[in-house]
Amino acid sequence: MESFFKNDEGHNVTVNGDRYRAMITNFFIPELNNHDVQELWFQQDGATCQTARATIDLLKDTFGDHLISRFGPVNWPPRSCDLTPLDYFLWGYVKSLAYADKPQTLDHLEDNIRRVIADIRPQMLEKVIENWTSRLDYIRGSRGSHMPEILFKM
């Protein structure tokens, strides 16, 4: 998906509130509508583009009370990277493979990122979700205490 890296003119861009809302409106929501999604929750952390008033309003209109976010109906738990699959799995996994061949150009790196993400199989995602539910069970059982410094097997 080009919008992660470039604008309509092909120039590299950073994500701001307008671009983030456009990605949600023009890609994410239509993509959700193409799938039979039941009981969906939307979760994000506290990045500025994600917590702008216009963004939160859009997400509340779309997901109602099923929004976990700073300034959302369900507040994002601070310093909770051990509960977020993007943090404890995806970013490290993608980075390790995307940089494996030491890309020398931004285009090469972008191609690697696209390839790594496209190659993630449903079985791997199932294991990530199983791991996530184990983490949630631990947090519930320990009444919200910090998780010990242990590695979860994937």
N, C-alpha and C. Protein backbone atom coordinates (compact mmCIF):
# COMPACT_ATOMS: atom_id res chain seq x y z
N MET A 1 0.84 -1.17 0.00
CA MET A 1 0.00 0.00 0.00
C MET A 1 0.89 1.24 0.00
N GLU A 2 0.79 2.04 -1.01
CA GLU A 2 1.66 3.20 -1.17
C GLU A 2 1.52 4.22 -0.05
N SER A 3 0.34 4.38 0.53
CA SER A 3 0.13 5.47 1.48
C SER A 3 0.99 5.35 2.73
N PHE A 4 1.57 4.19 2.98
CA PHE A 4 2.47 4.09 4.12
C PHE A 4 3.77 4.84 3.88
N PHE A 5 4.15 5.02 2.62
CA PHE A 5 5.46 5.56 2.32
C PHE A 5 5.44 6.86 1.52
N LYS A 6 4.49 7.00 0.61
CA LYS A 6 4.53 8.11 -0.34
C LYS A 6 3.17 8.77 -0.48
N ASN A 7 3.18 10.04 -0.91
CA ASN A 7 1.93 10.72 -1.21
C ASN A 7 1.54 10.44 -2.66
N ASP A 8 0.47 11.08 -3.13
CA ASP A 8 -0.02 10.84 -4.49
C ASP A 8 0.99 11.21 -5.57
N GLU A 9 1.90 12.12 -5.25
CA GLU A 9 2.92 12.53 -6.22
C GLU A 9 4.17 11.65 -6.14
N GLY A 10 4.18 10.66 -5.24
CA GLY A 10 5.32 9.77 -5.13
C GLY A 10 6.42 10.26 -4.21
N HIS A 11 6.17 11.31 -3.45
CA HIS A 11 7.17 11.84 -2.52
C HIS A 11 7.03 11.18 -1.16
N ASN A 12 8.16 10.91 -0.51
CA ASN A 12 8.14 10.34 0.83
C ASN A 12 7.48 11.32 1.80
N VAL A 13 6.68 10.79 2.69
CA VAL A 13 5.96 11.62 3.65
C VAL A 13 5.99 10.95 5.02
N THR A 14 5.71 11.75 6.04
CA THR A 14 5.50 11.21 7.38
C THR A 14 4.00 11.21 7.65
N VAL A 15 3.59 10.42 8.60
CA VAL A 15 2.17 10.32 8.91
C VAL A 15 1.80 11.47 9.85
N ASN A 16 0.82 12.26 9.42
CA ASN A 16 0.25 13.30 10.28
C ASN A 16 -1.23 12.97 10.46
N GLY A 17 -1.95 13.81 11.16
CA GLY A 17 -3.37 13.53 11.43
C GLY A 17 -4.20 13.38 10.17
N ASP A 18 -4.00 14.28 9.20
CA ASP A 18 -4.77 14.20 7.96
C ASP A 18 -4.48 12.91 7.21
N ARG A 19 -3.20 12.54 7.10
CA ARG A 19 -2.85 11.30 6.38
C ARG A 19 -3.36 10.07 7.12
N TYR A 20 -3.27 10.09 8.45
CA TYR A 20 -3.75 8.96 9.24
C TYR A 20 -5.25 8.78 9.07
N ARG A 21 -6.00 9.89 9.15
CA ARG A 21 -7.45 9.80 8.96
C ARG A 21 -7.79 9.35 7.55
N ALA A 22 -7.05 9.82 6.56
CA ALA A 22 -7.29 9.39 5.17
C ALA A 22 -7.03 7.89 5.03
N MET A 23 -5.99 7.37 5.68
CA MET A 23 -5.70 5.94 5.62
C MET A 23 -6.84 5.15 6.25
N ILE A 24 -7.33 5.63 7.39
CA ILE A 24 -8.45 4.96 8.06
C ILE A 24 -9.69 4.99 7.17
N THR A 25 -10.01 6.17 6.64
CA THR A 25 -11.24 6.36 5.85
C THR A 25 -11.17 5.68 4.49
N ASN A 26 -10.06 5.82 3.80
CA ASN A 26 -9.98 5.36 2.40
C ASN A 26 -9.48 3.94 2.24
N PHE A 27 -8.80 3.41 3.24
CA PHE A 27 -8.29 2.04 3.11
C PHE A 27 -8.85 1.12 4.18
N PHE A 28 -8.63 1.47 5.46
CA PHE A 28 -8.92 0.54 6.53
C PHE A 28 -10.41 0.21 6.64
N ILE A 29 -11.26 1.22 6.71
CA ILE A 29 -12.70 0.97 6.85
C ILE A 29 -13.26 0.23 5.64
N PRO A 30 -12.95 0.64 4.40
CA PRO A 30 -13.44 -0.15 3.26
C PRO A 30 -12.94 -1.59 3.29
N GLU A 31 -11.70 -1.79 3.73
CA GLU A 31 -11.17 -3.15 3.81
C GLU A 31 -11.94 -3.97 4.86
N LEU A 32 -12.26 -3.36 5.99
CA LEU A 32 -13.07 -4.05 7.00
C LEU A 32 -14.43 -4.44 6.44
N ASN A 33 -15.01 -3.56 5.64
CA ASN A 33 -16.32 -3.83 5.06
C ASN A 33 -16.30 -5.00 4.09
N ASN A 34 -15.13 -5.39 3.61
CA ASN A 34 -14.99 -6.53 2.70
C ASN A 34 -14.90 -7.86 3.45
N HIS A 35 -14.87 -7.82 4.78
CA HIS A 35 -14.72 -9.02 5.58
C HIS A 35 -15.86 -9.12 6.59
N ASP A 36 -16.17 -10.34 6.97
CA ASP A 36 -17.19 -10.58 7.98
C ASP A 36 -16.53 -10.46 9.35
N VAL A 37 -16.50 -9.26 9.87
CA VAL A 37 -15.83 -8.99 11.14
C VAL A 37 -16.90 -8.83 12.22
N GLN A 38 -16.79 -9.64 13.26
CA GLN A 38 -17.72 -9.59 14.38
C GLN A 38 -17.00 -9.04 15.61
N GLU A 39 -17.68 -8.23 16.40
CA GLU A 39 -17.14 -7.77 17.68
C GLU A 39 -15.73 -7.19 17.55
N LEU A 40 -15.54 -6.31 16.61
CA LEU A 40 -14.24 -5.71 16.37
C LEU A 40 -13.93 -4.62 17.38
N TRP A 41 -12.71 -4.64 17.87
CA TRP A 41 -12.17 -3.56 18.70
C TRP A 41 -11.02 -2.94 17.94
N PHE A 42 -10.91 -1.62 18.01
CA PHE A 42 -9.80 -0.90 17.37
C PHE A 42 -8.89 -0.40 18.48
N GLN A 43 -7.60 -0.71 18.37
CA GLN A 43 -6.63 -0.34 19.40
C GLN A 43 -5.49 0.45 18.78
N GLN A 44 -5.12 1.54 19.42
CA GLN A 44 -3.96 2.32 19.00
C GLN A 44 -3.34 2.94 20.24
N ASP A 45 -2.09 3.42 20.09
CA ASP A 45 -1.45 4.03 21.26
C ASP A 45 -1.63 5.53 21.25
N GLY A 46 -0.67 6.28 21.71
CA GLY A 46 -0.88 7.70 21.91
C GLY A 46 -0.14 8.61 20.96
N ALA A 47 0.23 8.14 19.77
CA ALA A 47 0.91 9.00 18.81
C ALA A 47 0.02 10.21 18.50
N THR A 48 0.64 11.34 18.29
CA THR A 48 -0.10 12.59 18.10
C THR A 48 -1.11 12.51 16.96
N CYS A 49 -0.71 11.92 15.83
CA CYS A 49 -1.64 11.84 14.70
C CYS A 49 -2.85 10.97 15.03
N GLN A 50 -2.68 10.03 15.97
CA GLN A 50 -3.76 9.13 16.35
C GLN A 50 -4.70 9.74 17.38
N THR A 51 -4.23 10.72 18.12
CA THR A 51 -5.03 11.26 19.21
C THR A 51 -5.53 12.68 18.95
N ALA A 52 -5.34 13.18 17.75
CA ALA A 52 -5.91 14.48 17.40
C ALA A 52 -7.43 14.39 17.55
N ARG A 53 -8.05 15.48 17.95
CA ARG A 53 -9.50 15.47 18.19
C ARG A 53 -10.27 14.93 16.98
N ALA A 54 -9.92 15.37 15.77
CA ALA A 54 -10.64 14.91 14.57
C ALA A 54 -10.47 13.41 14.37
N THR A 55 -9.29 12.88 14.71
CA THR A 55 -9.06 11.44 14.58
C THR A 55 -9.90 10.67 15.58
N ILE A 56 -9.87 11.10 16.83
CA ILE A 56 -10.66 10.41 17.86
C ILE A 56 -12.14 10.47 17.52
N ASP A 57 -12.62 11.60 17.03
CA ASP A 57 -14.03 11.71 16.64
C ASP A 57 -14.36 10.72 15.53
N LEU A 58 -13.50 10.61 14.52
CA LEU A 58 -13.71 9.65 13.42
C LEU A 58 -13.75 8.23 13.97
N LEU A 59 -12.81 7.89 14.83
CA LEU A 59 -12.75 6.53 15.36
C LEU A 59 -13.93 6.22 16.28
N LYS A 60 -14.36 7.19 17.08
CA LYS A 60 -15.55 6.98 17.92
C LYS A 60 -16.79 6.79 17.06
N ASP A 61 -16.92 7.58 15.98
CA ASP A 61 -18.05 7.41 15.07
C ASP A 61 -18.04 6.04 14.42
N THR A 62 -16.86 5.52 14.15
CA THR A 62 -16.72 4.25 13.45
C THR A 62 -16.83 3.06 14.39
N PHE A 63 -16.16 3.12 15.54
CA PHE A 63 -16.05 1.96 16.42
C PHE A 63 -16.81 2.10 17.73
N GLY A 64 -17.40 3.26 17.98
CA GLY A 64 -18.17 3.47 19.20
C GLY A 64 -17.32 3.24 20.44
N ASP A 65 -17.87 2.47 21.37
CA ASP A 65 -17.17 2.17 22.62
C ASP A 65 -16.07 1.13 22.44
N HIS A 66 -15.92 0.59 21.25
CA HIS A 66 -14.91 -0.43 20.99
C HIS A 66 -13.61 0.19 20.49
N LEU A 67 -13.21 1.27 21.10
CA LEU A 67 -11.99 1.99 20.76
C LEU A 67 -11.09 2.05 21.98
N ILE A 68 -9.90 1.45 21.86
CA ILE A 68 -8.89 1.52 22.92
C ILE A 68 -7.84 2.50 22.44
N SER A 69 -7.78 3.66 23.09
CA SER A 69 -6.88 4.72 22.64
C SER A 69 -6.74 5.77 23.73
N ARG A 70 -5.63 6.43 23.73
CA ARG A 70 -5.53 7.63 24.56
C ARG A 70 -6.63 8.58 24.10
N PHE A 71 -7.40 9.10 25.02
CA PHE A 71 -8.56 9.97 24.77
C PHE A 71 -9.75 9.22 24.17
N GLY A 72 -9.71 7.89 24.16
CA GLY A 72 -10.83 7.11 23.66
C GLY A 72 -11.71 6.63 24.80
N PRO A 73 -12.81 5.94 24.48
CA PRO A 73 -13.71 5.42 25.51
C PRO A 73 -13.01 4.45 26.47
N VAL A 74 -12.09 3.64 25.95
CA VAL A 74 -11.27 2.76 26.78
C VAL A 74 -9.85 3.29 26.66
N ASN A 75 -9.33 3.78 27.77
CA ASN A 75 -8.02 4.43 27.73
C ASN A 75 -6.91 3.43 27.45
N TRP A 76 -5.98 3.84 26.61
CA TRP A 76 -4.80 3.03 26.31
C TRP A 76 -3.96 2.89 27.58
N PRO A 77 -3.65 1.64 27.98
CA PRO A 77 -2.82 1.49 29.18
C PRO A 77 -1.38 1.90 28.89
N PRO A 78 -0.84 2.87 29.62
CA PRO A 78 0.52 3.33 29.34
C PRO A 78 1.55 2.24 29.61
N ARG A 79 2.65 2.30 28.88
CA ARG A 79 3.76 1.36 29.02
C ARG A 79 3.27 -0.09 28.98
N SER A 80 2.45 -0.39 28.01
CA SER A 80 1.84 -1.73 27.93
C SER A 80 2.28 -2.48 26.68
N CYS A 81 3.54 -2.33 26.30
CA CYS A 81 3.99 -2.97 25.07
C CYS A 81 3.90 -4.48 25.13
N ASP A 82 3.90 -5.06 26.34
CA ASP A 82 3.78 -6.51 26.43
C ASP A 82 2.37 -7.00 26.11
N LEU A 83 1.43 -6.09 25.90
CA LEU A 83 0.06 -6.47 25.53
C LEU A 83 -0.27 -6.14 24.08
N THR A 84 0.69 -5.66 23.33
CA THR A 84 0.41 -5.19 21.98
C THR A 84 1.19 -6.01 20.97
N PRO A 85 0.52 -6.86 20.18
CA PRO A 85 1.23 -7.69 19.21
C PRO A 85 2.12 -6.89 18.25
N LEU A 86 1.72 -5.68 17.90
CA LEU A 86 2.59 -4.88 17.02
C LEU A 86 3.91 -4.60 17.70
N ASP A 87 3.89 -4.37 19.01
CA ASP A 87 5.12 -4.06 19.74
C ASP A 87 5.92 -5.31 20.07
N TYR A 88 5.30 -6.34 20.61
CA TYR A 88 6.08 -7.49 21.05
C TYR A 88 6.38 -8.48 19.93
N PHE A 89 5.73 -8.33 18.78
CA PHE A 89 6.00 -9.25 17.68
C PHE A 89 6.34 -8.54 16.37
N LEU A 90 5.40 -7.81 15.81
CA LEU A 90 5.50 -7.39 14.41
C LEU A 90 6.70 -6.51 14.11
N TRP A 91 6.90 -5.44 14.89
CA TRP A 91 7.96 -4.49 14.52
C TRP A 91 9.34 -5.16 14.54
N GLY A 92 9.63 -5.94 15.56
CA GLY A 92 10.92 -6.63 15.62
C GLY A 92 11.07 -7.66 14.52
N TYR A 93 10.00 -8.39 14.25
CA TYR A 93 10.03 -9.41 13.19
C TYR A 93 10.29 -8.76 11.84
N VAL A 94 9.53 -7.72 11.52
CA VAL A 94 9.68 -7.05 10.22
C VAL A 94 11.07 -6.43 10.12
N LYS A 95 11.51 -5.77 11.16
CA LYS A 95 12.82 -5.10 11.11
C LYS A 95 13.94 -6.11 10.89
N SER A 96 13.90 -7.23 11.60
CA SER A 96 14.98 -8.21 11.46
C SER A 96 15.07 -8.76 10.04
N LEU A 97 13.94 -8.97 9.39
CA LEU A 97 13.96 -9.50 8.03
C LEU A 97 14.16 -8.41 6.98
N ALA A 98 13.58 -7.24 7.19
CA ALA A 98 13.69 -6.17 6.20
C ALA A 98 15.12 -5.65 6.08
N TYR A 99 15.87 -5.71 7.17
CA TYR A 99 17.26 -5.24 7.14
C TYR A 99 18.27 -6.37 6.93
N ALA A 100 17.80 -7.61 6.78
CA ALA A 100 18.71 -8.76 6.68
C ALA A 100 19.69 -8.64 5.52
N ASP A 101 19.25 -8.11 4.39
CA ASP A 101 20.15 -7.99 3.23
C ASP A 101 20.79 -6.61 3.13
N LYS A 102 20.73 -5.85 4.22
CA LYS A 102 21.35 -4.52 4.32
C LYS A 102 20.97 -3.61 3.14
N PRO A 103 19.69 -3.26 3.03
CA PRO A 103 19.25 -2.42 1.90
C PRO A 103 20.01 -1.10 1.86
N GLN A 104 20.40 -0.70 0.66
CA GLN A 104 21.20 0.52 0.49
C GLN A 104 20.37 1.71 0.05
N THR A 105 19.11 1.48 -0.33
CA THR A 105 18.26 2.58 -0.75
C THR A 105 16.92 2.48 -0.03
N LEU A 106 16.23 3.60 0.04
CA LEU A 106 14.91 3.63 0.65
C LEU A 106 13.93 2.75 -0.13
N ASP A 107 14.01 2.77 -1.45
CA ASP A 107 13.13 1.92 -2.26
C ASP A 107 13.34 0.45 -1.94
N HIS A 108 14.60 0.04 -1.80
CA HIS A 108 14.91 -1.35 -1.46
C HIS A 108 14.32 -1.71 -0.09
N LEU A 109 14.49 -0.82 0.89
CA LEU A 109 13.93 -1.06 2.22
C LEU A 109 12.41 -1.17 2.17
N GLU A 110 11.76 -0.26 1.44
CA GLU A 110 10.30 -0.30 1.31
C GLU A 110 9.85 -1.61 0.67
N ASP A 111 10.56 -2.05 -0.37
CA ASP A 111 10.23 -3.33 -1.01
C ASP A 111 10.37 -4.48 -0.02
N ASN A 112 11.44 -4.46 0.77
CA ASN A 112 11.63 -5.51 1.77
C ASN A 112 10.50 -5.51 2.80
N ILE A 113 10.10 -4.34 3.26
CA ILE A 113 9.02 -4.26 4.25
C ILE A 113 7.73 -4.83 3.66
N ARG A 114 7.41 -4.43 2.44
CA ARG A 114 6.20 -4.97 1.79
C ARG A 114 6.27 -6.49 1.67
N ARG A 115 7.43 -7.00 1.25
CA ARG A 115 7.59 -8.45 1.07
C ARG A 115 7.44 -9.18 2.39
N VAL A 116 8.11 -8.70 3.44
CA VAL A 116 8.05 -9.36 4.74
C VAL A 116 6.61 -9.41 5.25
N ILE A 117 5.89 -8.32 5.15
CA ILE A 117 4.51 -8.29 5.63
C ILE A 117 3.62 -9.19 4.77
N ALA A 118 3.82 -9.17 3.46
CA ALA A 118 3.01 -10.03 2.58
C ALA A 118 3.27 -11.51 2.84
N ASP A 119 4.47 -11.85 3.31
CA ASP A 119 4.82 -13.25 3.54
C ASP A 119 4.36 -13.78 4.90
N ILE A 120 3.80 -12.94 5.75
CA ILE A 120 3.30 -13.43 7.04
C ILE A 120 2.06 -14.29 6.78
N ARG A 121 2.12 -15.51 7.25
CA ARG A 121 1.06 -16.48 6.99
C ARG A 121 0.04 -16.51 8.13
N PRO A 122 -1.19 -16.93 7.82
CA PRO A 122 -2.23 -17.00 8.86
C PRO A 122 -1.83 -17.84 10.07
N GLN A 123 -1.07 -18.91 9.86
CA GLN A 123 -0.66 -19.76 10.98
C GLN A 123 0.21 -18.97 11.97
N MET A 124 1.07 -18.10 11.45
CA MET A 124 1.90 -17.29 12.33
C MET A 124 1.03 -16.32 13.13
N LEU A 125 0.06 -15.72 12.46
CA LEU A 125 -0.84 -14.79 13.15
C LEU A 125 -1.66 -15.50 14.22
N GLU A 126 -2.06 -16.75 13.94
CA GLU A 126 -2.79 -17.52 14.94
C GLU A 126 -1.94 -17.72 16.19
N LYS A 127 -0.65 -18.02 16.01
CA LYS A 127 0.24 -18.19 17.16
C LYS A 127 0.42 -16.88 17.92
N VAL A 128 0.50 -15.77 17.19
CA VAL A 128 0.62 -14.47 17.85
C VAL A 128 -0.61 -14.20 18.70
N ILE A 129 -1.79 -14.50 18.17
CA ILE A 129 -3.03 -14.26 18.93
C ILE A 129 -3.12 -15.21 20.12
N GLU A 130 -2.70 -16.47 19.96
CA GLU A 130 -2.67 -17.38 21.10
C GLU A 130 -1.76 -16.83 22.20
N ASN A 131 -0.61 -16.32 21.79
CA ASN A 131 0.33 -15.73 22.73
C ASN A 131 -0.28 -14.51 23.41
N TRP A 132 -0.99 -13.70 22.64
CA TRP A 132 -1.63 -12.50 23.16
C TRP A 132 -2.67 -12.87 24.22
N THR A 133 -3.48 -13.89 23.93
CA THR A 133 -4.50 -14.29 24.92
C THR A 133 -3.83 -14.83 26.18
N SER A 134 -2.70 -15.51 26.04
CA SER A 134 -1.95 -15.96 27.23
C SER A 134 -1.48 -14.77 28.05
N ARG A 135 -1.03 -13.74 27.38
CA ARG A 135 -0.59 -12.52 28.07
C ARG A 135 -1.78 -11.87 28.81
N LEU A 136 -2.93 -11.80 28.13
CA LEU A 136 -4.11 -11.22 28.77
C LEU A 136 -4.53 -12.04 29.99
N ASP A 137 -4.50 -13.37 29.86
CA ASP A 137 -4.84 -14.24 30.99
C ASP A 137 -3.89 -13.99 32.16
N TYR A 138 -2.60 -13.83 31.87
CA TYR A 138 -1.64 -13.56 32.94
C TYR A 138 -1.97 -12.25 33.64
N ILE A 139 -2.23 -11.21 32.86
CA ILE A 139 -2.53 -9.90 33.43
C ILE A 139 -3.80 -9.96 34.27
N ARG A 140 -4.83 -10.65 33.76
CA ARG A 140 -6.07 -10.80 34.54
C ARG A 140 -5.80 -11.55 35.84
N GLY A 141 -5.07 -12.66 35.73
CA GLY A 141 -4.80 -13.49 36.92
C GLY A 141 -3.94 -12.79 37.95
N SER A 142 -3.07 -11.90 37.50
CA SER A 142 -2.19 -11.19 38.44
C SER A 142 -2.77 -9.84 38.84
N ARG A 143 -4.02 -9.60 38.43
CA ARG A 143 -4.74 -8.37 38.76
C ARG A 143 -4.00 -7.13 38.27
N GLY A 144 -3.45 -7.25 37.05
CA GLY A 144 -2.85 -6.09 36.40
C GLY A 144 -1.40 -5.82 36.72
N SER A 145 -0.74 -6.73 37.42
CA SER A 145 0.66 -6.47 37.75
C SER A 145 1.53 -6.60 36.50
N HIS A 146 2.74 -6.07 36.60
CA HIS A 146 3.67 -6.16 35.47
C HIS A 146 4.02 -7.61 35.20
N MET A 147 4.26 -7.90 33.94
CA MET A 147 4.67 -9.24 33.57
C MET A 147 6.15 -9.40 33.89
N PRO A 148 6.54 -10.60 34.34
CA PRO A 148 7.96 -10.82 34.58
C PRO A 148 8.73 -10.77 33.26
N GLU A 149 10.02 -10.56 33.35
CA GLU A 149 10.85 -10.50 32.15
C GLU A 149 11.07 -11.92 31.64
N ILE A 150 10.11 -12.42 30.88
CA ILE A 150 10.22 -13.75 30.31
C ILE A 150 9.96 -13.66 28.82
N LEU A 151 10.43 -14.64 28.11
CA LEU A 151 10.18 -14.71 26.68
C LEU A 151 9.04 -15.67 26.42
N PHE A 152 8.11 -15.25 25.61
CA PHE A 152 7.03 -16.12 25.20
C PHE A 152 7.43 -16.80 23.91
N LYS A 153 7.21 -18.08 23.83
CA LYS A 153 7.57 -18.85 22.63
C LYS A 153 6.54 -18.59 21.55
N MET A 154 7.03 -18.41 20.34
CA MET A 154 6.14 -18.19 19.19
C MET A 154 6.01 -19.48 18.43
